[in-house]
């Protein structure tokens, strides 16, 4: 699991990942905004499913 289950750190990383300038200065590989938006929506859907289980 990424960040050993630390949800706060995971959230902060994801926020950086979604901002092109922050992501670039962190040395992360560029990813299209459309793909990041899709992943963000998929993660939100999974979180909703987990909360309803």
PDB file of N, CA and C in Angstrom:
ATOM      1  N   UNK A   1       0.841  -1.168   0.000  1.00  0.00           N
ATOM      2  CA  UNK A   1       0.000   0.000   0.000  1.00  0.00           C
ATOM      3  C   UNK A   1       0.896   1.244   0.000  1.00  0.00           C
ATOM      4  N   UNK A   2       0.482   2.244  -0.717  1.00  0.00           N
ATOM      5  CA  UNK A   2       1.250   3.479  -0.808  1.00  0.00           C
ATOM      6  C   UNK A   2       1.204   4.216   0.527  1.00  0.00           C
ATOM      7  N   UNK A   3       2.327   4.738   0.940  1.00  0.00           N
ATOM      8  CA  UNK A   3       2.465   5.516   2.170  1.00  0.00           C
ATOM      9  C   UNK A   3       2.026   4.739   3.409  1.00  0.00           C
ATOM     10  N   UNK A   4       2.139   3.432   3.356  1.00  0.00           N
ATOM     11  CA  UNK A   4       1.824   2.542   4.478  1.00  0.00           C
ATOM     12  C   UNK A   4       0.465   2.833   5.106  1.00  0.00           C
ATOM     13  N   UNK A   5      -0.507   3.170   4.263  1.00  0.00           N
ATOM     14  CA  UNK A   5      -1.869   3.403   4.739  1.00  0.00           C
ATOM     15  C   UNK A   5      -2.109   4.788   5.320  1.00  0.00           C
ATOM     16  N   UNK A   6      -1.126   5.678   5.251  1.00  0.00           N
ATOM     17  CA  UNK A   6      -1.278   7.034   5.764  1.00  0.00           C
ATOM     18  C   UNK A   6      -2.149   7.833   4.796  1.00  0.00           C
ATOM     19  N   UNK A   7      -3.438   7.931   5.097  1.00  0.00           N
ATOM     20  CA  UNK A   7      -4.395   8.580   4.201  1.00  0.00           C
ATOM     21  C   UNK A   7      -4.119  10.075   4.043  1.00  0.00           C
ATOM     22  N   UNK A   8      -3.634  10.729   5.107  1.00  0.00           N
ATOM     23  CA  UNK A   8      -3.353  12.157   5.025  1.00  0.00           C
ATOM     24  C   UNK A   8      -2.215  12.417   4.026  1.00  0.00           C
ATOM     25  N   UNK A   9      -1.141  11.638   4.133  1.00  0.00           N
ATOM     26  CA  UNK A   9      -0.017  11.780   3.224  1.00  0.00           C
ATOM     27  C   UNK A   9      -0.433  11.420   1.794  1.00  0.00           C
ATOM     28  N   UNK A  10      -1.238  10.395   1.654  1.00  0.00           N
ATOM     29  CA  UNK A  10      -1.751   9.987   0.352  1.00  0.00           C
ATOM     30  C   UNK A  10      -2.541  11.131  -0.289  1.00  0.00           C
ATOM     31  N   UNK A  11      -3.390  11.777   0.495  1.00  0.00           N
ATOM     32  CA  UNK A  11      -4.189  12.891  -0.008  1.00  0.00           C
ATOM     33  C   UNK A  11      -3.329  14.070  -0.423  1.00  0.00           C
ATOM     34  N   UNK A  12      -2.309  14.370   0.368  1.00  0.00           N
ATOM     35  CA  UNK A  12      -1.411  15.474   0.031  1.00  0.00           C
ATOM     36  C   UNK A  12      -0.645  15.180  -1.250  1.00  0.00           C
ATOM     37  N   UNK A  13      -0.181  13.933  -1.396  1.00  0.00           N
ATOM     38  CA  UNK A  13       0.525  13.548  -2.616  1.00  0.00           C
ATOM     39  C   UNK A  13      -0.385  13.687  -3.828  1.00  0.00           C
ATOM     40  N   UNK A  14      -1.621  13.230  -3.696  1.00  0.00           N
ATOM     41  CA  UNK A  14      -2.572  13.288  -4.812  1.00  0.00           C
ATOM     42  C   UNK A  14      -2.848  14.737  -5.193  1.00  0.00           C
ATOM     43  N   UNK A  15      -2.952  15.628  -4.200  1.00  0.00           N
ATOM     44  CA  UNK A  15      -3.168  17.045  -4.483  1.00  0.00           C
ATOM     45  C   UNK A  15      -1.998  17.621  -5.280  1.00  0.00           C
ATOM     46  N   UNK A  16      -0.774  17.267  -4.909  1.00  0.00           N
ATOM     47  CA  UNK A  16       0.409  17.716  -5.643  1.00  0.00           C
ATOM     48  C   UNK A  16       0.386  17.133  -7.047  1.00  0.00           C
ATOM     49  N   UNK A  17       0.039  15.864  -7.147  1.00  0.00           N
ATOM     50  CA  UNK A  17       0.029  15.169  -8.442  1.00  0.00           C
ATOM     51  C   UNK A  17      -0.919  15.831  -9.427  1.00  0.00           C
ATOM     52  N   UNK A  18      -2.036  16.356  -8.932  1.00  0.00           N
ATOM     53  CA  UNK A  18      -3.049  16.954  -9.805  1.00  0.00           C
ATOM     54  C   UNK A  18      -2.658  18.361 -10.273  1.00  0.00           C
ATOM     55  N   UNK A  19      -1.701  18.999  -9.610  1.00  0.00           N
ATOM     56  CA  UNK A  19      -1.268  20.343 -10.018  1.00  0.00           C
ATOM     57  C   UNK A  19      -0.006  20.212 -10.865  1.00  0.00           C
ATOM     58  N   UNK A  20      -0.120  20.613 -12.120  1.00  0.00           N
ATOM     59  CA  UNK A  20       0.958  20.397 -13.087  1.00  0.00           C
ATOM     60  C   UNK A  20       2.288  20.998 -12.639  1.00  0.00           C
ATOM     61  N   UNK A  21       2.288  22.226 -12.134  1.00  0.00           N
ATOM     62  CA  UNK A  21       3.555  22.852 -11.752  1.00  0.00           C
ATOM     63  C   UNK A  21       4.161  22.177 -10.526  1.00  0.00           C
ATOM     64  N   UNK A  22       3.339  21.851  -9.531  1.00  0.00           N
ATOM     65  CA  UNK A  22       3.852  21.167  -8.336  1.00  0.00           C
ATOM     66  C   UNK A  22       4.352  19.774  -8.681  1.00  0.00           C
ATOM     67  N   UNK A  23       3.613  19.105  -9.539  1.00  0.00           N
ATOM     68  CA  UNK A  23       3.980  17.756  -9.954  1.00  0.00           C
ATOM     69  C   UNK A  23       5.325  17.761 -10.686  1.00  0.00           C
ATOM     70  N   UNK A  24       5.497  18.734 -11.549  1.00  0.00           N
ATOM     71  CA  UNK A  24       6.737  18.849 -12.314  1.00  0.00           C
ATOM     72  C   UNK A  24       7.916  19.156 -11.393  1.00  0.00           C
ATOM     73  N   UNK A  25       7.728  20.077 -10.458  1.00  0.00           N
ATOM     74  CA  UNK A  25       8.841  20.429  -9.564  1.00  0.00           C
ATOM     75  C   UNK A  25       9.161  19.299  -8.587  1.00  0.00           C
ATOM     76  N   UNK A  26       8.221  18.373  -8.396  1.00  0.00           N
ATOM     77  CA  UNK A  26       8.478  17.211  -7.544  1.00  0.00           C
ATOM     78  C   UNK A  26       9.161  16.093  -8.332  1.00  0.00           C
ATOM     79  N   UNK A  27       9.373  16.326  -9.633  1.00  0.00           N
ATOM     80  CA  UNK A  27      10.063  15.348 -10.466  1.00  0.00           C
ATOM     81  C   UNK A  27       9.181  14.196 -10.919  1.00  0.00           C
ATOM     82  N   UNK A  28       7.866  14.404 -10.895  1.00  0.00           N
ATOM     83  CA  UNK A  28       6.939  13.353 -11.301  1.00  0.00           C
ATOM     84  C   UNK A  28       6.720  13.387 -12.816  1.00  0.00           C
ATOM     85  N   UNK A  29       6.499  12.223 -13.384  1.00  0.00           N
ATOM     86  CA  UNK A  29       6.248  12.090 -14.808  1.00  0.00           C
ATOM     87  C   UNK A  29       4.952  12.816 -15.163  1.00  0.00           C
ATOM     88  N   UNK A  30       4.944  13.601 -16.255  1.00  0.00           N
ATOM     89  CA  UNK A  30       3.723  14.329 -16.614  1.00  0.00           C
ATOM     90  C   UNK A  30       2.588  13.385 -17.024  1.00  0.00           C
ATOM     91  N   UNK A  31       1.406  13.700 -16.549  1.00  0.00           N
ATOM     92  CA  UNK A  31       0.206  12.921 -16.871  1.00  0.00           C
ATOM     93  C   UNK A  31      -0.863  13.906 -17.331  1.00  0.00           C
ATOM     94  N   UNK A  32      -1.588  13.551 -18.384  1.00  0.00           N
ATOM     95  CA  UNK A  32      -2.619  14.441 -18.921  1.00  0.00           C
ATOM     96  C   UNK A  32      -3.695  14.720 -17.874  1.00  0.00           C
ATOM     97  N   UNK A  33      -4.186  15.958 -17.889  1.00  0.00           N
ATOM     98  CA  UNK A  33      -5.206  16.394 -16.946  1.00  0.00           C
ATOM     99  C   UNK A  33      -6.461  15.532 -17.043  1.00  0.00           C
ATOM    100  N   UNK A  34      -6.801  15.086 -18.247  1.00  0.00           N
ATOM    101  CA  UNK A  34      -7.993  14.253 -18.438  1.00  0.00           C
ATOM    102  C   UNK A  34      -7.866  12.922 -17.698  1.00  0.00           C
ATOM    103  N   UNK A  35      -6.679  12.347 -17.738  1.00  0.00           N
ATOM    104  CA  UNK A  35      -6.450  11.081 -17.047  1.00  0.00           C
ATOM    105  C   UNK A  35      -6.511  11.278 -15.536  1.00  0.00           C
ATOM    106  N   UNK A  36      -5.918  12.362 -15.045  1.00  0.00           N
ATOM    107  CA  UNK A  36      -5.974  12.644 -13.614  1.00  0.00           C
ATOM    108  C   UNK A  36      -7.406  12.875 -13.150  1.00  0.00           C
ATOM    109  N   UNK A  37      -8.216  13.561 -13.964  1.00  0.00           N
ATOM    110  CA  UNK A  37      -9.627  13.792 -13.623  1.00  0.00           C
ATOM    111  C   UNK A  37     -10.376  12.460 -13.577  1.00  0.00           C
ATOM    112  N   UNK A  38     -10.099  11.576 -14.540  1.00  0.00           N
ATOM    113  CA  UNK A  38     -10.733  10.258 -14.557  1.00  0.00           C
ATOM    114  C   UNK A  38     -10.362   9.472 -13.301  1.00  0.00           C
ATOM    115  N   UNK A  39      -9.079   9.472 -12.956  1.00  0.00           N
ATOM    116  CA  UNK A  39      -8.627   8.745 -11.770  1.00  0.00           C
ATOM    117  C   UNK A  39      -9.230   9.320 -10.495  1.00  0.00           C
ATOM    118  N   UNK A  40      -9.325  10.642 -10.431  1.00  0.00           N
ATOM    119  CA  UNK A  40      -9.925  11.296  -9.270  1.00  0.00           C
ATOM    120  C   UNK A  40     -11.382  10.854  -9.101  1.00  0.00           C
ATOM    121  N   UNK A  41     -12.107  10.798 -10.201  1.00  0.00           N
ATOM    122  CA  UNK A  41     -13.510  10.357 -10.157  1.00  0.00           C
ATOM    123  C   UNK A  41     -13.610   8.878  -9.780  1.00  0.00           C
ATOM    124  N   UNK A  42     -12.704   8.064 -10.305  1.00  0.00           N
ATOM    125  CA  UNK A  42     -12.710   6.638  -9.981  1.00  0.00           C
ATOM    126  C   UNK A  42     -12.420   6.415  -8.496  1.00  0.00           C
ATOM    127  N   UNK A  43     -11.470   7.153  -7.955  1.00  0.00           N
ATOM    128  CA  UNK A  43     -11.131   7.039  -6.535  1.00  0.00           C
ATOM    129  C   UNK A  43     -12.314   7.454  -5.673  1.00  0.00           C
ATOM    130  N   UNK A  44     -12.984   8.545  -6.062  1.00  0.00           N
ATOM    131  CA  UNK A  44     -14.152   9.001  -5.313  1.00  0.00           C
ATOM    132  C   UNK A  44     -15.249   7.941  -5.329  1.00  0.00           C
ATOM    133  N   UNK A  45     -15.445   7.293  -6.465  1.00  0.00           N
ATOM    134  CA  UNK A  45     -16.456   6.236  -6.571  1.00  0.00           C
ATOM    135  C   UNK A  45     -16.099   5.048  -5.673  1.00  0.00           C
ATOM    136  N   UNK A  46     -14.830   4.666  -5.679  1.00  0.00           N
ATOM    137  CA  UNK A  46     -14.404   3.563  -4.826  1.00  0.00           C
ATOM    138  C   UNK A  46     -14.571   3.895  -3.344  1.00  0.00           C
ATOM    139  N   UNK A  47     -14.232   5.126  -2.974  1.00  0.00           N
ATOM    140  CA  UNK A  47     -14.403   5.545  -1.581  1.00  0.00           C
ATOM    141  C   UNK A  47     -15.868   5.510  -1.187  1.00  0.00           C
ATOM    142  N   UNK A  48     -16.749   5.909  -2.090  1.00  0.00           N
ATOM    143  CA  UNK A  48     -18.183   5.878  -1.813  1.00  0.00           C
ATOM    144  C   UNK A  48     -18.664   4.442  -1.631  1.00  0.00           C
ATOM    145  N   UNK A  49     -18.199   3.546  -2.473  1.00  0.00           N
ATOM    146  CA  UNK A  49     -18.581   2.127  -2.369  1.00  0.00           C
ATOM    147  C   UNK A  49     -18.102   1.562  -1.053  1.00  0.00           C
ATOM    148  N   UNK A  50     -16.859   1.884  -0.645  1.00  0.00           N
ATOM    149  CA  UNK A  50     -16.321   1.384   0.613  1.00  0.00           C
ATOM    150  C   UNK A  50     -17.119   1.908   1.804  1.00  0.00           C
ATOM    151  N   UNK A  51     -17.556   3.162   1.732  1.00  0.00           N
ATOM    152  CA  UNK A  51     -18.319   3.753   2.848  1.00  0.00           C
ATOM    153  C   UNK A  51     -19.703   3.118   2.958  1.00  0.00           C
ATOM    154  N   UNK A  52     -20.243   2.675   1.851  1.00  0.00           N
ATOM    155  CA  UNK A  52     -21.583   2.089   1.844  1.00  0.00           C
ATOM    156  C   UNK A  52     -21.577   0.590   2.127  1.00  0.00           C
ATOM    157  N   UNK A  53     -20.394   0.006   2.251  1.00  0.00           N
ATOM    158  CA  UNK A  53     -20.298  -1.439   2.499  1.00  0.00           C
ATOM    159  C   UNK A  53     -20.371  -1.760   3.970  1.00  0.00           C
TER     160      UNK A  53
END
